[in-house]
């Protein structure tokens, strides 16, 4: 199954990777709590409230979600993950990115000079289609291709 979606490129680029999917709000701090406090090349989701991602590896993956929830410390979390080398490679939002997540990802991009690619407004059908472990190809123009 191949399916294409187009959203708004917030932090654009061309990259390909494996999907990790949450159909509920994603708490950045809770999800990466363990990963930002220990030196590791892994980022195992620590948010027990997120049954879809709990215990799954997020480093080097493309996180697909509707929106983020929770913390004002998101920017510091993204920056710490990048500095530790265990950040996701991209975050894809079905909804419009919230200002805290956008600010955090943009600041992390500027301060670390390493980008986590971000596309938002991909729509509800995107989250209905994408599954864990699907291969996703992200394009500079905000289009993505899911190869299930």
N, C-alpha and C. Protein backbone atom coordinates (compact mmCIF):
# COMPACT_ATOMS: atom_id res chain seq x y z
N UNK A 1 0.83 -1.17 0.00
CA UNK A 1 0.00 0.00 0.00
C UNK A 1 0.88 1.24 0.00
N UNK A 2 0.67 2.09 -0.98
CA UNK A 2 1.35 3.38 -1.03
C UNK A 2 0.28 4.44 -0.98
N UNK A 3 0.52 5.45 -0.15
CA UNK A 3 -0.45 6.53 -0.02
C UNK A 3 0.30 7.83 0.22
N UNK A 4 -0.11 8.88 -0.48
CA UNK A 4 0.55 10.17 -0.35
C UNK A 4 -0.36 11.16 0.36
N UNK A 5 0.25 11.99 1.20
CA UNK A 5 -0.44 13.07 1.89
C UNK A 5 0.42 14.32 1.77
N UNK A 6 -0.23 15.47 1.85
CA UNK A 6 0.51 16.73 1.81
C UNK A 6 0.06 17.61 2.97
N UNK A 7 1.04 18.12 3.69
CA UNK A 7 0.77 19.02 4.80
C UNK A 7 1.59 20.27 4.66
N UNK A 8 1.71 20.99 5.76
CA UNK A 8 2.47 22.23 5.77
C UNK A 8 3.86 21.95 6.35
N UNK A 9 4.92 22.21 5.57
CA UNK A 9 6.27 22.00 6.10
C UNK A 9 6.63 23.09 7.11
N UNK A 10 6.84 22.69 8.37
CA UNK A 10 7.22 23.62 9.43
C UNK A 10 8.75 23.69 9.51
N UNK A 11 9.39 22.53 9.55
CA UNK A 11 10.84 22.41 9.46
C UNK A 11 11.10 21.41 8.33
N UNK A 12 11.20 21.90 7.10
CA UNK A 12 11.22 21.03 5.93
C UNK A 12 12.54 20.31 5.70
N UNK A 13 12.45 19.29 4.89
CA UNK A 13 13.63 18.53 4.48
C UNK A 13 13.22 17.26 3.79
N UNK A 14 14.20 16.52 3.33
CA UNK A 14 13.98 15.24 2.68
C UNK A 14 14.60 14.16 3.54
N UNK A 15 13.79 13.21 3.97
CA UNK A 15 14.26 12.14 4.83
C UNK A 15 13.31 10.96 4.72
N UNK A 16 13.82 9.79 5.06
CA UNK A 16 13.01 8.58 5.04
C UNK A 16 13.25 7.82 6.34
N UNK A 17 12.20 7.20 6.85
CA UNK A 17 12.34 6.45 8.09
C UNK A 17 11.13 5.63 8.42
N UNK A 18 11.17 5.05 9.60
CA UNK A 18 10.14 4.14 10.09
C UNK A 18 9.18 4.86 11.03
N UNK A 19 7.89 4.60 10.87
CA UNK A 19 6.85 5.28 11.65
C UNK A 19 6.67 4.68 13.04
N UNK A 20 6.37 5.57 13.98
CA UNK A 20 5.85 5.25 15.31
C UNK A 20 4.60 6.10 15.46
N UNK A 21 3.47 5.48 15.75
CA UNK A 21 2.18 6.14 15.65
C UNK A 21 1.45 6.21 16.99
N UNK A 22 0.95 7.40 17.29
CA UNK A 22 0.07 7.62 18.44
C UNK A 22 -1.16 8.37 17.94
N UNK A 23 -2.31 7.86 18.26
CA UNK A 23 -3.55 8.52 17.84
C UNK A 23 -4.12 9.42 18.92
N UNK A 24 -3.35 9.62 19.98
CA UNK A 24 -3.75 10.54 21.04
C UNK A 24 -2.64 11.56 21.23
N UNK A 25 -2.90 12.58 22.01
CA UNK A 25 -1.89 13.60 22.26
C UNK A 25 -0.61 13.00 22.81
N UNK A 26 0.51 13.56 22.41
CA UNK A 26 1.83 13.04 22.75
C UNK A 26 2.47 13.97 23.77
N UNK A 27 2.75 13.46 24.96
CA UNK A 27 3.40 14.24 26.01
C UNK A 27 4.92 14.08 25.85
N UNK A 28 5.57 15.14 25.42
CA UNK A 28 7.00 15.10 25.12
C UNK A 28 7.82 14.73 26.35
N UNK A 29 7.59 15.44 27.45
CA UNK A 29 8.40 15.21 28.64
C UNK A 29 8.19 13.79 29.19
N UNK A 30 6.93 13.36 29.32
CA UNK A 30 6.66 12.02 29.85
C UNK A 30 7.23 10.93 28.94
N UNK A 31 7.11 11.14 27.64
CA UNK A 31 7.58 10.13 26.69
C UNK A 31 9.10 9.97 26.71
N UNK A 32 9.81 11.06 26.88
CA UNK A 32 11.27 11.03 26.82
C UNK A 32 11.92 11.19 28.20
N UNK A 33 11.16 11.06 29.27
CA UNK A 33 11.67 11.29 30.62
C UNK A 33 12.96 10.52 30.89
N UNK A 34 12.94 9.23 30.66
CA UNK A 34 14.12 8.40 30.92
C UNK A 34 15.26 8.77 29.97
N UNK A 35 14.93 9.00 28.72
CA UNK A 35 15.93 9.26 27.68
C UNK A 35 16.74 10.53 27.91
N UNK A 36 16.14 11.53 28.53
CA UNK A 36 16.87 12.79 28.73
C UNK A 36 17.65 12.81 30.03
N UNK A 37 17.44 11.80 30.88
CA UNK A 37 18.13 11.77 32.17
C UNK A 37 19.25 10.75 32.25
N UNK A 38 19.38 9.91 31.24
CA UNK A 38 20.47 8.94 31.22
C UNK A 38 21.16 9.02 29.86
N UNK A 39 22.44 8.72 29.83
CA UNK A 39 23.19 8.72 28.56
C UNK A 39 22.90 7.40 27.86
N UNK A 40 22.23 7.48 26.74
CA UNK A 40 21.86 6.29 25.99
C UNK A 40 21.69 6.66 24.53
N UNK A 41 21.88 5.71 23.64
CA UNK A 41 21.63 5.96 22.23
C UNK A 41 20.21 5.53 21.86
N UNK A 42 19.43 5.18 22.87
CA UNK A 42 18.04 4.78 22.66
C UNK A 42 17.12 5.81 23.29
N UNK A 43 15.89 5.82 22.83
CA UNK A 43 14.85 6.67 23.41
C UNK A 43 13.57 5.82 23.47
N UNK A 44 13.46 5.06 24.52
CA UNK A 44 12.29 4.19 24.70
C UNK A 44 11.19 5.02 25.33
N UNK A 45 9.99 5.03 24.75
CA UNK A 45 8.88 5.83 25.27
C UNK A 45 8.54 5.40 26.70
N UNK A 46 8.59 6.36 27.61
CA UNK A 46 8.36 6.10 29.03
C UNK A 46 6.97 6.52 29.50
N UNK A 47 6.12 6.99 28.60
CA UNK A 47 4.79 7.47 28.98
C UNK A 47 3.81 6.31 29.06
N UNK A 48 3.57 5.82 30.28
CA UNK A 48 2.64 4.72 30.49
C UNK A 48 1.21 5.05 30.11
N UNK A 49 0.90 6.33 30.00
CA UNK A 49 -0.42 6.75 29.58
C UNK A 49 -0.63 6.66 28.08
N UNK A 50 0.43 6.44 27.33
CA UNK A 50 0.33 6.31 25.87
C UNK A 50 0.58 4.85 25.51
N UNK A 51 -0.49 4.07 25.50
CA UNK A 51 -0.39 2.62 25.28
C UNK A 51 0.17 2.28 23.89
N UNK A 52 -0.04 3.15 22.91
CA UNK A 52 0.42 2.87 21.56
C UNK A 52 1.95 2.96 21.43
N UNK A 53 2.57 3.83 22.21
CA UNK A 53 4.01 4.04 22.08
C UNK A 53 4.82 3.56 23.28
N UNK A 54 4.18 3.32 24.41
CA UNK A 54 4.91 2.93 25.62
C UNK A 54 5.81 1.72 25.35
N UNK A 55 7.09 1.88 25.71
CA UNK A 55 8.07 0.81 25.54
C UNK A 55 8.67 0.70 24.15
N UNK A 56 8.22 1.52 23.22
CA UNK A 56 8.75 1.47 21.85
C UNK A 56 9.91 2.45 21.67
N UNK A 57 10.84 2.06 20.84
CA UNK A 57 11.99 2.90 20.49
C UNK A 57 11.52 4.08 19.64
N UNK A 58 11.93 5.29 20.00
CA UNK A 58 11.56 6.50 19.26
C UNK A 58 12.77 7.17 18.60
N UNK A 59 13.98 6.87 19.04
CA UNK A 59 15.18 7.47 18.43
C UNK A 59 15.30 7.02 16.99
N UNK A 60 15.55 7.97 16.11
CA UNK A 60 15.73 7.65 14.70
C UNK A 60 14.45 7.29 13.98
N UNK A 61 13.29 7.51 14.60
CA UNK A 61 11.99 7.16 14.00
C UNK A 61 11.25 8.42 13.59
N UNK A 62 10.16 8.23 12.88
CA UNK A 62 9.26 9.31 12.51
C UNK A 62 8.02 9.16 13.38
N UNK A 63 7.81 10.12 14.27
CA UNK A 63 6.67 10.06 15.18
C UNK A 63 5.46 10.69 14.48
N UNK A 64 4.38 9.95 14.41
CA UNK A 64 3.15 10.39 13.77
C UNK A 64 2.08 10.54 14.84
N UNK A 65 1.47 11.72 14.94
CA UNK A 65 0.56 12.00 16.03
C UNK A 65 -0.41 13.11 15.66
N UNK A 66 -1.49 13.26 16.43
CA UNK A 66 -2.38 14.38 16.15
C UNK A 66 -1.80 15.70 16.65
N UNK A 67 -1.30 15.69 17.90
CA UNK A 67 -0.81 16.92 18.53
C UNK A 67 0.02 16.53 19.75
N UNK A 68 0.71 17.52 20.31
CA UNK A 68 1.40 17.30 21.58
C UNK A 68 0.53 17.85 22.69
N UNK A 69 0.76 17.35 23.90
CA UNK A 69 0.03 17.81 25.08
C UNK A 69 1.03 17.98 26.22
N UNK A 70 0.66 18.79 27.18
CA UNK A 70 1.43 18.82 28.41
C UNK A 70 2.38 19.97 28.58
N UNK A 71 3.59 19.76 28.33
CA UNK A 71 4.70 20.48 28.93
C UNK A 71 5.14 21.76 28.23
N UNK A 72 5.59 22.70 29.02
CA UNK A 72 6.23 23.90 28.49
C UNK A 72 7.73 23.67 28.30
N UNK A 73 8.22 22.54 28.77
CA UNK A 73 9.66 22.25 28.67
C UNK A 73 10.02 21.49 27.39
N UNK A 74 9.08 21.40 26.46
CA UNK A 74 9.30 20.63 25.24
C UNK A 74 10.54 21.02 24.46
N UNK A 75 10.81 22.32 24.35
CA UNK A 75 11.99 22.77 23.62
C UNK A 75 13.27 22.22 24.23
N UNK A 76 13.35 22.26 25.55
CA UNK A 76 14.53 21.74 26.22
C UNK A 76 14.65 20.23 26.02
N UNK A 77 13.51 19.55 26.01
CA UNK A 77 13.53 18.09 25.80
C UNK A 77 14.04 17.77 24.40
N UNK A 78 13.50 18.45 23.37
CA UNK A 78 13.96 18.20 22.00
C UNK A 78 15.46 18.48 21.88
N UNK A 79 15.91 19.60 22.45
CA UNK A 79 17.32 19.96 22.37
C UNK A 79 18.19 18.91 23.06
N UNK A 80 17.78 18.46 24.23
CA UNK A 80 18.55 17.45 24.97
C UNK A 80 18.64 16.15 24.17
N UNK A 81 17.52 15.73 23.56
CA UNK A 81 17.53 14.51 22.75
C UNK A 81 18.50 14.63 21.58
N UNK A 82 18.48 15.77 20.92
CA UNK A 82 19.41 15.99 19.80
C UNK A 82 20.85 15.93 20.29
N UNK A 83 21.14 16.61 21.40
CA UNK A 83 22.50 16.62 21.93
C UNK A 83 22.96 15.24 22.36
N UNK A 84 22.05 14.40 22.84
CA UNK A 84 22.40 13.03 23.23
C UNK A 84 22.46 12.08 22.03
N UNK A 85 21.97 12.54 20.87
CA UNK A 85 21.99 11.70 19.68
C UNK A 85 20.88 10.66 19.64
N UNK A 86 19.80 10.89 20.39
CA UNK A 86 18.71 9.90 20.39
C UNK A 86 17.34 10.53 20.10
N UNK A 87 17.33 11.53 19.25
CA UNK A 87 16.07 12.18 18.88
C UNK A 87 15.39 11.42 17.74
N UNK A 88 14.08 11.63 17.59
CA UNK A 88 13.42 11.13 16.39
C UNK A 88 13.95 11.93 15.19
N UNK A 89 13.77 11.41 13.99
CA UNK A 89 14.23 12.16 12.82
C UNK A 89 13.17 13.12 12.30
N UNK A 90 11.90 12.84 12.65
CA UNK A 90 10.82 13.70 12.19
C UNK A 90 9.60 13.53 13.08
N UNK A 91 8.75 14.57 13.06
CA UNK A 91 7.46 14.52 13.75
C UNK A 91 6.42 14.99 12.75
N UNK A 92 5.40 14.15 12.53
CA UNK A 92 4.33 14.45 11.59
C UNK A 92 3.02 14.60 12.35
N UNK A 93 2.37 15.73 12.19
CA UNK A 93 1.13 16.04 12.90
C UNK A 93 -0.06 15.96 11.95
N UNK A 94 -1.13 15.30 12.37
CA UNK A 94 -2.35 15.32 11.57
C UNK A 94 -3.05 16.67 11.71
N UNK A 95 -2.93 17.29 12.89
CA UNK A 95 -3.52 18.59 13.16
C UNK A 95 -2.48 19.69 12.99
N UNK A 96 -2.89 20.92 13.26
CA UNK A 96 -1.94 22.04 13.26
C UNK A 96 -1.05 21.92 14.49
N UNK A 97 0.24 22.11 14.32
CA UNK A 97 1.18 22.04 15.43
C UNK A 97 0.84 23.13 16.44
N UNK A 98 0.94 22.81 17.73
CA UNK A 98 0.69 23.81 18.75
C UNK A 98 1.93 24.69 18.92
N UNK A 99 1.74 25.87 19.48
CA UNK A 99 2.82 26.85 19.56
C UNK A 99 3.98 26.37 20.43
N UNK A 100 3.70 25.63 21.51
CA UNK A 100 4.79 25.14 22.37
C UNK A 100 5.67 24.13 21.62
N UNK A 101 5.05 23.20 20.92
CA UNK A 101 5.83 22.21 20.16
C UNK A 101 6.59 22.90 19.04
N UNK A 102 5.93 23.81 18.33
CA UNK A 102 6.60 24.51 17.22
C UNK A 102 7.80 25.30 17.74
N UNK A 103 7.57 26.08 18.80
CA UNK A 103 8.66 26.87 19.36
C UNK A 103 9.81 26.00 19.82
N UNK A 104 9.50 24.91 20.50
CA UNK A 104 10.55 24.01 20.99
C UNK A 104 11.35 23.38 19.88
N UNK A 105 10.68 22.92 18.84
CA UNK A 105 11.39 22.28 17.73
C UNK A 105 12.20 23.29 16.92
N UNK A 106 11.67 24.48 16.75
CA UNK A 106 12.40 25.52 16.01
C UNK A 106 13.63 25.97 16.80
N UNK A 107 13.47 26.19 18.10
CA UNK A 107 14.61 26.58 18.94
C UNK A 107 15.67 25.48 18.95
N UNK A 108 15.25 24.23 19.09
CA UNK A 108 16.21 23.12 19.07
C UNK A 108 16.95 23.08 17.74
N UNK A 109 16.25 23.35 16.65
CA UNK A 109 16.86 23.37 15.32
C UNK A 109 17.93 24.46 15.24
N UNK A 110 17.62 25.63 15.75
CA UNK A 110 18.56 26.76 15.70
C UNK A 110 19.75 26.53 16.63
N UNK A 111 19.49 26.10 17.85
CA UNK A 111 20.55 25.97 18.84
C UNK A 111 21.46 24.78 18.61
N UNK A 112 20.96 23.74 18.00
CA UNK A 112 21.79 22.54 17.81
C UNK A 112 22.29 22.39 16.39
N UNK A 113 21.70 23.14 15.45
CA UNK A 113 22.04 23.02 14.04
C UNK A 113 21.79 21.61 13.53
N UNK A 114 20.85 20.90 14.16
CA UNK A 114 20.44 19.57 13.70
C UNK A 114 18.92 19.55 13.71
N UNK A 115 18.34 19.25 12.59
CA UNK A 115 16.91 19.37 12.40
C UNK A 115 16.15 18.08 12.69
N UNK A 116 15.05 18.23 13.43
CA UNK A 116 14.00 17.22 13.47
C UNK A 116 12.95 17.74 12.49
N UNK A 117 12.73 17.04 11.39
CA UNK A 117 11.83 17.51 10.35
C UNK A 117 10.39 17.48 10.86
N UNK A 118 9.63 18.53 10.51
CA UNK A 118 8.27 18.65 11.01
C UNK A 118 7.32 19.06 9.89
N UNK A 119 6.24 18.30 9.78
CA UNK A 119 5.14 18.65 8.88
C UNK A 119 3.85 18.54 9.69
N UNK A 120 2.97 19.53 9.55
CA UNK A 120 1.69 19.47 10.23
C UNK A 120 0.55 19.55 9.21
N UNK A 121 -0.66 19.51 9.72
CA UNK A 121 -1.89 19.62 8.92
C UNK A 121 -1.99 18.52 7.86
N UNK A 122 -1.59 17.31 8.22
CA UNK A 122 -1.69 16.18 7.28
C UNK A 122 -3.09 15.58 7.23
N UNK A 123 -3.94 15.88 8.20
CA UNK A 123 -5.34 15.45 8.18
C UNK A 123 -5.60 14.15 8.91
N UNK A 124 -6.87 13.95 9.24
CA UNK A 124 -7.29 12.76 9.99
C UNK A 124 -7.03 11.46 9.21
N UNK A 125 -7.22 11.51 7.90
CA UNK A 125 -7.00 10.30 7.09
C UNK A 125 -5.56 9.80 7.21
N UNK A 126 -4.62 10.73 7.39
CA UNK A 126 -3.23 10.35 7.58
C UNK A 126 -3.09 9.40 8.77
N UNK A 127 -3.65 9.79 9.93
CA UNK A 127 -3.54 8.94 11.12
C UNK A 127 -4.37 7.67 11.01
N UNK A 128 -5.42 7.69 10.19
CA UNK A 128 -6.20 6.47 9.95
C UNK A 128 -5.43 5.49 9.06
N UNK A 129 -4.48 6.00 8.30
CA UNK A 129 -3.75 5.18 7.32
C UNK A 129 -2.43 4.65 7.85
N UNK A 130 -1.62 5.50 8.48
CA UNK A 130 -0.26 5.12 8.88
C UNK A 130 -0.29 4.13 10.04
N UNK A 131 0.62 3.17 10.00
CA UNK A 131 0.75 2.14 11.03
C UNK A 131 2.20 2.11 11.53
N UNK A 132 2.38 1.62 12.76
CA UNK A 132 3.74 1.43 13.28
C UNK A 132 4.54 0.60 12.29
N UNK A 133 5.79 0.98 12.11
CA UNK A 133 6.77 0.30 11.26
C UNK A 133 6.61 0.58 9.77
N UNK A 134 5.56 1.33 9.35
CA UNK A 134 5.47 1.72 7.94
C UNK A 134 6.70 2.56 7.59
N UNK A 135 7.16 2.46 6.36
CA UNK A 135 8.23 3.33 5.87
C UNK A 135 7.58 4.61 5.34
N UNK A 136 8.14 5.74 5.73
CA UNK A 136 7.63 7.03 5.29
C UNK A 136 8.76 7.82 4.65
N UNK A 137 8.46 8.39 3.50
CA UNK A 137 9.41 9.27 2.82
C UNK A 137 8.84 10.68 2.88
N UNK A 138 9.64 11.59 3.43
CA UNK A 138 9.23 12.98 3.60
C UNK A 138 9.96 13.83 2.56
N UNK A 139 9.20 14.75 1.95
CA UNK A 139 9.77 15.63 0.93
C UNK A 139 9.75 17.09 1.41
N UNK A 140 10.68 17.84 0.91
CA UNK A 140 10.87 19.24 1.25
C UNK A 140 9.59 20.07 1.14
N UNK A 141 8.71 19.73 0.20
CA UNK A 141 7.50 20.52 -0.06
C UNK A 141 6.35 20.20 0.90
N UNK A 142 6.57 19.30 1.86
CA UNK A 142 5.51 18.94 2.81
C UNK A 142 4.72 17.71 2.41
N UNK A 143 5.07 17.09 1.30
CA UNK A 143 4.39 15.86 0.91
C UNK A 143 5.12 14.68 1.53
N UNK A 144 4.36 13.66 1.84
CA UNK A 144 4.92 12.43 2.38
C UNK A 144 4.34 11.24 1.64
N UNK A 145 5.09 10.16 1.60
CA UNK A 145 4.61 8.91 0.99
C UNK A 145 4.74 7.83 2.03
N UNK A 146 3.62 7.16 2.30
CA UNK A 146 3.62 6.02 3.23
C UNK A 146 3.73 4.76 2.39
N UNK A 147 4.73 3.94 2.70
CA UNK A 147 4.90 2.65 2.05
C UNK A 147 4.65 1.58 3.12
N UNK A 148 3.43 1.08 3.15
CA UNK A 148 3.04 0.10 4.19
C UNK A 148 3.53 -1.28 3.91
